[in-house]
PDB file of N, CA and C in Angstrom:
ATOM      1  N   MET A   1      97.583 -77.420 -21.483  1.00  0.00           N
ATOM      2  CA  MET A   1      95.998 -77.876 -22.195  1.00  0.00           C
ATOM      3  C   MET A   1      96.313 -78.661 -23.618  1.00  0.00           C
ATOM      4  N   ILE A   2      97.190 -77.666 -24.509  1.00  0.00           N
ATOM      5  CA  ILE A   2      97.364 -77.731 -25.856  1.00  0.00           C
ATOM      6  C   ILE A   2      97.773 -78.899 -26.071  1.00  0.00           C
ATOM      7  N   LYS A   3      99.294 -79.139 -25.586  1.00  0.00           N
ATOM      8  CA  LYS A   3      99.654 -80.652 -25.375  1.00  0.00           C
ATOM      9  C   LYS A   3      98.602 -81.596 -25.267  1.00  0.00           C
ATOM     10  N   ASP A   4      97.842 -81.776 -24.624  1.00  0.00           N
ATOM     11  CA  ASP A   4      96.854 -83.096 -24.528  1.00  0.00           C
ATOM     12  C   ASP A   4      96.310 -83.018 -25.491  1.00  0.00           C
ATOM     13  N   VAL A   5      95.519 -81.722 -26.002  1.00  0.00           N
ATOM     14  CA  VAL A   5      94.770 -82.048 -27.188  1.00  0.00           C
ATOM     15  C   VAL A   5      95.942 -82.259 -28.412  1.00  0.00           C
ATOM     16  N   HIS A   6      96.500 -82.308 -28.335  1.00  0.00           N
ATOM     17  CA  HIS A   6      97.957 -82.532 -29.700  1.00  0.00           C
ATOM     18  C   HIS A   6      97.929 -84.352 -29.725  1.00  0.00           C
ATOM     19  N   ASP A   7      98.546 -84.456 -28.169  1.00  0.00           N
ATOM     20  CA  ASP A   7      98.975 -86.187 -28.189  1.00  0.00           C
ATOM     21  C   ASP A   7      97.443 -86.590 -28.748  1.00  0.00           C
ATOM     22  N   LYS A   8      96.756 -86.183 -28.186  1.00  0.00           N
ATOM     23  CA  LYS A   8      94.830 -87.440 -28.165  1.00  0.00           C
ATOM     24  C   LYS A   8      94.865 -87.296 -30.074  1.00  0.00           C
ATOM     25  N   ILE A   9      94.943 -86.113 -29.940  1.00  0.00           N
ATOM     26  CA  ILE A   9      94.727 -86.008 -31.655  1.00  0.00           C
ATOM     27  C   ILE A   9      95.825 -86.649 -32.403  1.00  0.00           C
ATOM     28  N   ALA A  10      96.553 -86.709 -32.170  1.00  0.00           N
ATOM     29  CA  ALA A  10      98.040 -88.036 -32.672  1.00  0.00           C
ATOM     30  C   ALA A  10      97.647 -88.905 -33.203  1.00  0.00           C
ATOM     31  N   GLU A  11      97.128 -89.324 -31.100  1.00  0.00           N
ATOM     32  CA  GLU A  11      96.856 -91.246 -31.290  1.00  0.00           C
ATOM     33  C   GLU A  11      95.990 -91.343 -31.938  1.00  0.00           C
ATOM     34  N   GLY A  12      94.772 -90.723 -32.291  1.00  0.00           N
ATOM     35  CA  GLY A  12      93.821 -90.880 -33.011  1.00  0.00           C
ATOM     36  C   GLY A  12      94.543 -91.457 -34.698  1.00  0.00           C
ATOM     37  N   LEU A  13      95.221 -90.223 -35.286  1.00  0.00           N
ATOM     38  CA  LEU A  13      95.357 -90.005 -35.869  1.00  0.00           C
ATOM     39  C   LEU A  13      96.602 -91.551 -36.147  1.00  0.00           C
ATOM     40  N   GLU A  14      97.258 -92.243 -35.606  1.00  0.00           N
ATOM     41  CA  GLU A  14      97.686 -93.178 -35.173  1.00  0.00           C
ATOM     42  C   GLU A  14      97.250 -94.344 -35.315  1.00  0.00           C
ATOM     43  N   ASP A  15      95.973 -94.109 -34.798  1.00  0.00           N
ATOM     44  CA  ASP A  15      95.230 -95.314 -34.440  1.00  0.00           C
ATOM     45  C   ASP A  15      94.520 -95.921 -36.059  1.00  0.00           C
ATOM     46  N   ALA A  16      93.599 -93.986 -36.709  1.00  0.00           N
ATOM     47  CA  ALA A  16      93.582 -94.272 -37.841  1.00  0.00           C
ATOM     48  C   ALA A  16      94.344 -95.206 -38.950  1.00  0.00           C
ATOM     49  N   ILE A  17      95.918 -95.091 -38.948  1.00  0.00           N
ATOM     50  CA  ILE A  17      96.629 -95.123 -40.018  1.00  0.00           C
ATOM     51  C   ILE A  17      96.913 -96.584 -39.375  1.00  0.00           C
ATOM     52  N   ALA A  18      96.821 -97.293 -38.033  1.00  0.00           N
ATOM     53  CA  ALA A  18      97.355 -98.793 -38.376  1.00  0.00           C
ATOM     54  C   ALA A  18      95.870 -99.474 -39.042  1.00  0.00           C
ATOM     55  N   PHE A  19      94.509 -98.788 -38.038  1.00  0.00           N
ATOM     56  CA  PHE A  19      93.404 -99.186 -39.309  1.00  0.00           C
ATOM     57  C   PHE A  19      93.399 -99.221 -40.843  1.00  0.00           C
ATOM     58  N   ALA A  20      93.410 -98.294 -41.505  1.00  0.00           N
ATOM     59  CA  ALA A  20      94.119 -97.963 -43.035  1.00  0.00           C
ATOM     60  C   ALA A  20      94.532 -99.212 -43.053  1.00  0.00           C
ATOM     61  N   ALA A  21      95.604 -99.672 -42.223  1.00  0.00           N
ATOM     62  CA  ALA A  21      96.937-100.796 -42.519  1.00  0.00           C
ATOM     63  C   ALA A  21      96.445-101.985 -42.625  1.00  0.00           C
ATOM     64  N   GLY A  22      95.781-102.112 -41.570  1.00  0.00           N
ATOM     65  CA  GLY A  22      94.933-103.650 -41.405  1.00  0.00           C
ATOM     66  C   GLY A  22      95.976-103.973 -40.245  1.00  0.00           C
ATOM     67  N   LYS A  23      96.563-103.014 -39.834  1.00  0.00           N
ATOM     68  CA  LYS A  23      97.345-103.384 -38.580  1.00  0.00           C
ATOM     69  C   LYS A  23      96.845-103.110 -37.080  1.00  0.00           C
ATOM     70  N   ALA A  24      96.102-102.743 -36.898  1.00  0.00           N
ATOM     71  CA  ALA A  24      94.982-102.419 -35.590  1.00  0.00           C
ATOM     72  C   ALA A  24      93.865-103.799 -35.185  1.00  0.00           C
ATOM     73  N   PRO A  25      93.873-104.497 -34.678  1.00  0.00           N
ATOM     74  CA  PRO A  25      93.113-105.580 -33.912  1.00  0.00           C
ATOM     75  C   PRO A  25      91.533-105.077 -34.677  1.00  0.00           C
ATOM     76  N   ALA A  26      90.280-105.710 -35.185  1.00  0.00           N
ATOM     77  CA  ALA A  26      89.529-105.882 -35.768  1.00  0.00           C
ATOM     78  C   ALA A  26      88.760-105.836 -34.123  1.00  0.00           C
ATOM     79  N   VAL A  27      88.590-105.849 -33.335  1.00  0.00           N
ATOM     80  CA  VAL A  27      88.450-105.802 -31.767  1.00  0.00           C
ATOM     81  C   VAL A  27      87.599-105.022 -31.771  1.00  0.00           C
ATOM     82  N   ASP A  28      89.348-103.926 -32.299  1.00  0.00           N
ATOM     83  CA  ASP A  28      88.746-102.609 -31.032  1.00  0.00           C
ATOM     84  C   ASP A  28      88.138-101.449 -32.370  1.00  0.00           C
ATOM     85  N   TYR A  29      87.805-102.273 -33.472  1.00  0.00           N
ATOM     86  CA  TYR A  29      87.108-101.146 -34.446  1.00  0.00           C
ATOM     87  C   TYR A  29      85.694-101.989 -34.732  1.00  0.00           C
ATOM     88  N   GLY A  30      84.825-103.182 -34.123  1.00  0.00           N
ATOM     89  CA  GLY A  30      83.411-103.045 -34.254  1.00  0.00           C
ATOM     90  C   GLY A  30      82.457-102.532 -34.138  1.00  0.00           C
ATOM     91  N   VAL A  31      81.523-102.847 -34.817  1.00  0.00           N
ATOM     92  CA  VAL A  31      80.362-102.176 -34.489  1.00  0.00           C
ATOM     93  C   VAL A  31      79.478-102.894 -33.666  1.00  0.00           C
ATOM     94  N   HIS A  32      78.576-102.710 -33.903  1.00  0.00           N
ATOM     95  CA  HIS A  32      77.375-103.243 -32.749  1.00  0.00           C
ATOM     96  C   HIS A  32      75.771-103.134 -33.748  1.00  0.00           C
ATOM     97  N   ILE A  33      75.112-103.771 -33.706  1.00  0.00           N
ATOM     98  CA  ILE A  33      73.606-103.765 -34.592  1.00  0.00           C
ATOM     99  C   ILE A  33      73.505-104.429 -33.618  1.00  0.00           C
ATOM    100  N   PRO A  34      72.249-103.396 -32.797  1.00  0.00           N
ATOM    101  CA  PRO A  34      71.242-104.327 -31.407  1.00  0.00           C
ATOM    102  C   PRO A  34      70.488-105.128 -31.773  1.00  0.00           C
ATOM    103  N   ASP A  35      69.540-106.167 -31.025  1.00  0.00           N
ATOM    104  CA  ASP A  35      69.142-107.374 -31.033  1.00  0.00           C
ATOM    105  C   ASP A  35      67.514-106.658 -31.520  1.00  0.00           C
ATOM    106  N   GLU A  36      67.515-105.706 -31.564  1.00  0.00           N
ATOM    107  CA  GLU A  36      65.825-105.039 -31.791  1.00  0.00           C
ATOM    108  C   GLU A  36      65.927-103.780 -32.957  1.00  0.00           C
ATOM    109  N   ILE A  37      64.928-102.943 -33.417  1.00  0.00           N
ATOM    110  CA  ILE A  37      65.017-102.361 -33.531  1.00  0.00           C
ATOM    111  C   ILE A  37      63.477-101.825 -33.262  1.00  0.00           C
ATOM    112  N   ASP A  38      63.114-100.438 -33.336  1.00  0.00           N
ATOM    113  CA  ASP A  38      62.144-100.031 -33.121  1.00  0.00           C
ATOM    114  C   ASP A  38      61.720 -99.188 -34.481  1.00  0.00           C
ATOM    115  N   VAL A  39      61.340-100.096 -36.013  1.00  0.00           N
ATOM    116  CA  VAL A  39      60.544 -99.855 -37.141  1.00  0.00           C
ATOM    117  C   VAL A  39      59.132 -98.514 -37.441  1.00  0.00           C
ATOM    118  N   LYS A  40      59.296 -98.641 -36.228  1.00  0.00           N
ATOM    119  CA  LYS A  40      57.736 -97.784 -36.341  1.00  0.00           C
ATOM    120  C   LYS A  40      58.348 -96.633 -36.217  1.00  0.00           C
ATOM    121  N   ALA A  41      59.565 -96.383 -34.685  1.00  0.00           N
ATOM    122  CA  ALA A  41      59.518 -94.882 -34.488  1.00  0.00           C
ATOM    123  C   ALA A  41      60.490 -94.481 -35.363  1.00  0.00           C
ATOM    124  N   ILE A  42      61.285 -95.417 -36.052  1.00  0.00           N
ATOM    125  CA  ILE A  42      61.919 -94.940 -36.373  1.00  0.00           C
ATOM    126  C   ILE A  42      61.064 -93.727 -38.179  1.00  0.00           C
ATOM    127  N   ARG A  43      60.051 -94.404 -38.455  1.00  0.00           N
ATOM    128  CA  ARG A  43      58.971 -94.220 -40.016  1.00  0.00           C
ATOM    129  C   ARG A  43      58.677 -93.153 -39.077  1.00  0.00           C
ATOM    130  N   LYS A  44      58.235 -93.040 -38.000  1.00  0.00           N
ATOM    131  CA  LYS A  44      57.348 -92.022 -37.361  1.00  0.00           C
ATOM    132  C   LYS A  44      58.071 -90.624 -37.152  1.00  0.00           C
ATOM    133  N   ARG A  45      59.105 -90.936 -36.909  1.00  0.00           N
ATOM    134  CA  ARG A  45      60.323 -89.365 -36.272  1.00  0.00           C
ATOM    135  C   ARG A  45      60.616 -89.146 -37.857  1.00  0.00           C
ATOM    136  N   LEU A  46      60.083 -89.891 -38.991  1.00  0.00           N
ATOM    137  CA  LEU A  46      60.544 -89.334 -40.356  1.00  0.00           C
ATOM    138  C   LEU A  46      58.902 -88.856 -40.740  1.00  0.00           C
ATOM    139  N   THR A  47      58.357 -89.152 -40.337  1.00  0.00           N
ATOM    140  CA  THR A  47      57.073 -88.264 -40.403  1.00  0.00           C
ATOM    141  C   THR A  47      56.347 -88.954 -41.930  1.00  0.00           C
ATOM    142  N   LEU A  48      56.534 -90.580 -42.242  1.00  0.00           N
ATOM    143  CA  LEU A  48      56.117 -90.950 -43.490  1.00  0.00           C
ATOM    144  C   LEU A  48      55.014 -92.309 -43.136  1.00  0.00           C
ATOM    145  N   SER A  49      54.049 -92.039 -43.743  1.00  0.00           N
ATOM    146  CA  SER A  49      53.979 -93.546 -44.093  1.00  0.00           C
ATOM    147  C   SER A  49      54.530 -95.069 -44.155  1.00  0.00           C
ATOM    148  N   GLN A  50      53.962 -96.414 -43.976  1.00  0.00           N
ATOM    149  CA  GLN A  50      54.476 -97.237 -44.074  1.00  0.00           C
ATOM    150  C   GLN A  50      54.995 -97.525 -45.847  1.00  0.00           C
ATOM    151  N   SER A  51      53.814 -97.589 -45.885  1.00  0.00           N
ATOM    152  CA  SER A  51      53.889 -97.102 -47.944  1.00  0.00           C
ATOM    153  C   SER A  51      55.083 -96.753 -48.104  1.00  0.00           C
ATOM    154  N   ALA A  52      55.163 -94.749 -48.036  1.00  0.00           N
ATOM    155  CA  ALA A  52      56.086 -93.650 -48.358  1.00  0.00           C
ATOM    156  C   ALA A  52      57.719 -94.494 -48.006  1.00  0.00           C
ATOM    157  N   PHE A  53      57.315 -94.704 -46.590  1.00  0.00           N
ATOM    158  CA  PHE A  53      58.957 -96.097 -45.547  1.00  0.00           C
ATOM    159  C   PHE A  53      59.240 -96.594 -46.499  1.00  0.00           C
ATOM    160  N   ALA A  54      58.796 -97.530 -47.288  1.00  0.00           N
ATOM    161  CA  ALA A  54      58.582 -98.410 -47.898  1.00  0.00           C
ATOM    162  C   ALA A  54      59.785 -97.990 -49.045  1.00  0.00           C
ATOM    163  N   GLU A  55      58.587 -97.927 -49.658  1.00  0.00           N
ATOM    164  CA  GLU A  55      59.896 -96.888 -51.019  1.00  0.00           C
ATOM    165  C   GLU A  55      60.495 -96.225 -51.697  1.00  0.00           C
ATOM    166  N   ARG A  56      60.339 -95.263 -50.814  1.00  0.00           N
ATOM    167  CA  ARG A  56      61.891 -94.652 -49.889  1.00  0.00           C
ATOM    168  C   ARG A  56      62.944 -95.484 -49.816  1.00  0.00           C
ATOM    169  N   PHE A  57      63.263 -96.096 -48.794  1.00  0.00           N
ATOM    170  CA  PHE A  57      63.879 -96.927 -48.879  1.00  0.00           C
ATOM    171  C   PHE A  57      64.564 -98.096 -49.649  1.00  0.00           C
ATOM    172  N   GLY A  58      62.948 -98.928 -50.375  1.00  0.00           N
ATOM    173  CA  GLY A  58      63.545 -99.835 -50.436  1.00  0.00           C
ATOM    174  C   GLY A  58      63.478-101.148 -49.989  1.00  0.00           C
ATOM    175  N   PHE A  59      61.975-101.075 -49.546  1.00  0.00           N
ATOM    176  CA  PHE A  59      61.454-102.037 -48.931  1.00  0.00           C
ATOM    177  C   PHE A  59      60.396-103.058 -49.458  1.00  0.00           C
ATOM    178  N   ALA A  60      60.136-103.995 -49.059  1.00  0.00           N
ATOM    179  CA  ALA A  60      58.484-104.545 -49.728  1.00  0.00           C
ATOM    180  C   ALA A  60      57.593-103.783 -48.564  1.00  0.00           C
ATOM    181  N   LEU A  61      56.337-103.690 -48.868  1.00  0.00           N
ATOM    182  CA  LEU A  61      55.372-102.769 -47.933  1.00  0.00           C
ATOM    183  C   LEU A  61      55.188-103.752 -46.837  1.00  0.00           C
ATOM    184  N   ALA A  62      54.480-104.961 -47.143  1.00  0.00           N
ATOM    185  CA  ALA A  62      54.140-106.016 -46.617  1.00  0.00           C
ATOM    186  C   ALA A  62      55.507-106.704 -45.281  1.00  0.00           C
ATOM    187  N   THR A  63      56.646-106.288 -45.755  1.00  0.00           N
ATOM    188  CA  THR A  63      57.895-106.823 -44.535  1.00  0.00           C
ATOM    189  C   THR A  63      58.077-105.176 -43.888  1.00  0.00           C
ATOM    190  N   ILE A  64      57.746-103.944 -44.132  1.00  0.00           N
ATOM    191  CA  ILE A  64      57.038-102.925 -43.218  1.00  0.00           C
ATOM    192  C   ILE A  64      56.407-103.360 -42.115  1.00  0.00           C
ATOM    193  N   ARG A  65      54.815-103.845 -42.622  1.00  0.00           N
ATOM    194  CA  ARG A  65      54.578-104.094 -41.753  1.00  0.00           C
ATOM    195  C   ARG A  65      54.091-105.086 -40.622  1.00  0.00           C
ATOM    196  N   ASP A  66      55.068-105.859 -40.713  1.00  0.00           N
ATOM    197  CA  ASP A  66      55.188-107.404 -40.333  1.00  0.00           C
ATOM    198  C   ASP A  66      56.053-106.999 -39.330  1.00  0.00           C
ATOM    199  N   TRP A  67      57.360-106.421 -39.850  1.00  0.00           N
ATOM    200  CA  TRP A  67      58.359-106.025 -39.068  1.00  0.00           C
ATOM    201  C   TRP A  67      57.334-104.815 -37.449  1.00  0.00           C
ATOM    202  N   GLU A  68      56.754-103.940 -38.445  1.00  0.00           N
ATOM    203  CA  GLU A  68      55.686-103.319 -37.032  1.00  0.00           C
ATOM    204  C   GLU A  68      54.973-103.718 -35.882  1.00  0.00           C
ATOM    205  N   GLN A  69      53.959-105.302 -36.854  1.00  0.00           N
ATOM    206  CA  GLN A  69      53.308-105.457 -36.263  1.00  0.00           C
ATOM    207  C   GLN A  69      54.276-107.166 -35.485  1.00  0.00           C
ATOM    208  N   GLY A  70      55.218-107.347 -35.433  1.00  0.00           N
ATOM    209  CA  GLY A  70      55.473-108.290 -34.646  1.00  0.00           C
ATOM    210  C   GLY A  70      56.178-109.293 -35.314  1.00  0.00           C
ATOM    211  N   ARG A  71      54.846-109.751 -37.052  1.00  0.00           N
ATOM    212  CA  ARG A  71      55.242-111.331 -37.150  1.00  0.00           C
ATOM    213  C   ARG A  71      56.155-111.535 -37.184  1.00  0.00           C
ATOM    214  N   ARG A  72      57.439-110.441 -38.055  1.00  0.00           N
ATOM    215  CA  ARG A  72      58.730-111.203 -38.165  1.00  0.00           C
ATOM    216  C   ARG A  72      59.455-109.400 -37.156  1.00  0.00           C
ATOM    217  N   VAL A  73      60.942-110.210 -37.580  1.00  0.00           N
ATOM    218  CA  VAL A  73      61.415-108.853 -37.132  1.00  0.00           C
ATOM    219  C   VAL A  73      62.787-108.519 -38.144  1.00  0.00           C
ATOM    220  N   PRO A  74      64.097-107.856 -38.460  1.00  0.00           N
ATOM    221  CA  PRO A  74      64.359-107.574 -38.982  1.00  0.00           C
ATOM    222  C   PRO A  74      65.525-108.230 -38.836  1.00  0.00           C
ATOM    223  N   SER A  75      66.435-109.151 -40.207  1.00  0.00           N
ATOM    224  CA  SER A  75      67.640-109.742 -39.571  1.00  0.00           C
ATOM    225  C   SER A  75      69.038-108.308 -39.330  1.00  0.00           C
ATOM    226  N   GLY A  76      69.526-108.793 -39.642  1.00  0.00           N
ATOM    227  CA  GLY A  76      71.525-107.955 -38.949  1.00  0.00           C
ATOM    228  C   GLY A  76      71.119-107.456 -40.047  1.00  0.00           C
ATOM    229  N   HIS A  77      71.467-108.060 -40.834  1.00  0.00           N
ATOM    230  CA  HIS A  77      71.840-106.278 -42.010  1.00  0.00           C
ATOM    231  C   HIS A  77      70.354-106.077 -42.749  1.00  0.00           C
ATOM    232  N   ALA A  78      69.580-105.676 -42.364  1.00  0.00           N
ATOM    233  CA  ALA A  78      68.389-105.112 -42.266  1.00  0.00           C
ATOM    234  C   ALA A  78      68.429-104.537 -40.635  1.00  0.00           C
ATOM    235  N   ARG A  79      68.450-104.221 -39.814  1.00  0.00           N
ATOM    236  CA  ARG A  79      68.717-103.643 -38.734  1.00  0.00           C
ATOM    237  C   ARG A  79      69.829-102.866 -38.578  1.00  0.00           C
ATOM    238  N   ALA A  80      71.287-103.415 -39.503  1.00  0.00           N
ATOM    239  CA  ALA A  80      72.002-101.687 -39.537  1.00  0.00           C
ATOM    240  C   ALA A  80      72.007-101.257 -40.468  1.00  0.00           C
ATOM    241  N   TYR A  81      71.043-101.666 -41.878  1.00  0.00           N
ATOM    242  CA  TYR A  81      70.439-100.752 -42.359  1.00  0.00           C
ATOM    243  C   TYR A  81      69.096 -99.572 -42.335  1.00  0.00           C
ATOM    244  N   LEU A  82      69.020-100.404 -41.175  1.00  0.00           N
ATOM    245  CA  LEU A  82      67.555 -99.381 -40.713  1.00  0.00           C
ATOM    246  C   LEU A  82      68.284 -98.310 -39.670  1.00  0.00           C
ATOM    247  N   MET A  83      69.820 -98.656 -39.169  1.00  0.00           N
ATOM    248  CA  MET A  83      69.991 -97.797 -37.907  1.00  0.00           C
ATOM    249  C   MET A  83      70.722 -96.677 -39.178  1.00  0.00           C
ATOM    250  N   VAL A  84      70.921 -96.738 -39.991  1.00  0.00           N
ATOM    251  CA  VAL A  84      72.016 -95.899 -40.842  1.00  0.00           C
ATOM    252  C   VAL A  84      70.615 -94.311 -41.428  1.00  0.00           C
ATOM    253  N   ILE A  85      69.615 -95.518 -41.928  1.00  0.00           N
ATOM    254  CA  ILE A  85      68.816 -94.803 -41.895  1.00  0.00           C
ATOM    255  C   ILE A  85      67.914 -93.982 -40.841  1.00  0.00           C
ATOM    256  N   ALA A  86      68.109 -94.378 -39.431  1.00  0.00           N
ATOM    257  CA  ALA A  86      67.312 -93.621 -38.449  1.00  0.00           C
ATOM    258  C   ALA A  86      68.765 -92.320 -38.007  1.00  0.00           C
ATOM    259  N   LYS A  87      69.512 -92.806 -38.428  1.00  0.00           N
ATOM    260  CA  LYS A  87      70.475 -91.177 -38.341  1.00  0.00           C
ATOM    261  C   LYS A  87      71.256 -90.872 -39.132  1.00  0.00           C
ATOM    262  N   ALA A  88      70.998 -91.285 -40.352  1.00  0.00           N
ATOM    263  CA  ALA A  88      71.087 -90.413 -41.803  1.00  0.00           C
ATOM    264  C   ALA A  88      70.484 -90.917 -42.973  1.00  0.00           C
ATOM    265  N   PRO A  89      68.849 -90.451 -42.460  1.00  0.00           N
ATOM    266  CA  PRO A  89      68.107 -90.239 -43.357  1.00  0.00           C
ATOM    267  C   PRO A  89      68.282 -89.513 -45.225  1.00  0.00           C
ATOM    268  N   LYS A  90      68.662 -88.819 -45.098  1.00  0.00           N
ATOM    269  CA  LYS A  90      68.791 -87.664 -46.106  1.00  0.00           C
ATOM    270  C   LYS A  90      70.572 -88.463 -47.043  1.00  0.00           C
ATOM    271  N   THR A  91      71.442 -89.007 -46.370  1.00  0.00           N
ATOM    272  CA  THR A  91      72.527 -89.507 -46.799  1.00  0.00           C
ATOM    273  C   THR A  91      71.869 -91.187 -47.304  1.00  0.00           C
ATOM    274  N   VAL A  92      71.094 -91.880 -47.028  1.00  0.00           N
ATOM    275  CA  VAL A  92      70.786 -92.998 -47.853  1.00  0.00           C
ATOM    276  C   VAL A  92      69.674 -92.182 -49.039  1.00  0.00           C
ATOM    277  N   GLU A  93      69.042 -91.467 -48.672  1.00  0.00           N
ATOM    278  CA  GLU A  93      67.988 -90.757 -50.275  1.00  0.00           C
ATOM    279  C   GLU A  93      68.884 -90.714 -51.086  1.00  0.00           C
ATOM    280  N   ASP A  94      69.727 -89.666 -51.109  1.00  0.00           N
ATOM    281  CA  ASP A  94      70.257 -89.531 -52.473  1.00  0.00           C
ATOM    282  C   ASP A  94      71.336 -90.351 -52.602  1.00  0.00           C
ATOM    283  N   ALA A  95      71.698 -91.565 -52.156  1.00  0.00           N
ATOM    284  CA  ALA A  95      72.453 -92.694 -52.498  1.00  0.00           C
ATOM    285  C   ALA A  95      71.890 -93.303 -53.166  1.00  0.00           C
ATOM    286  N   LEU A  96      70.542 -93.160 -53.334  1.00  0.00           N
ATOM    287  CA  LEU A  96      69.201 -94.483 -53.518  1.00  0.00           C
ATOM    288  C   LEU A  96      68.833 -93.946 -54.905  1.00  0.00           C
ATOM    289  N   ARG A  97      69.451 -92.712 -54.798  1.00  0.00           N
ATOM    290  CA  ARG A  97      68.696 -91.408 -55.299  1.00  0.00           C
ATOM    291  C   ARG A  97      68.650 -92.216 -56.998  1.00  0.00           C
ATOM    292  N   VAL A  98      67.983 -92.427 -58.358  1.00  0.00           N
ATOM    293  CA  VAL A  98      68.343 -92.338 -59.302  1.00  0.00           C
ATOM    294  C   VAL A  98      69.078 -90.999 -60.478  1.00  0.00           C
ATOM    295  N   ALA A  99      69.604 -91.175 -60.855  1.00  0.00           N
ATOM    296  CA  ALA A  99      70.011 -90.164 -61.082  1.00  0.00           C
ATOM    297  C   ALA A  99      69.686 -88.940 -63.020  1.00  0.00           C
TER     298      ALA A  99
END
């Protein structure tokens, strides 16, 4: 069992080294950005109003309203950013905080 764990860790390290060196196929390490994202659900989970969410994460209030009311949909990069907000809101806040 310990050998199996060791082998898996070693394999993971080898993969990481190959990726860092640019020798791993990029297709093996891609990202998935969903076609749709529920902005309102993310905002509600964070217990923020539309204006507080917009201000905290750098969106225009009108954009948040348009997304939530279905008048517009977030672009790919906005969906990726929203996914990061959903998974690590504190990290995003820390990164955006003015020193």
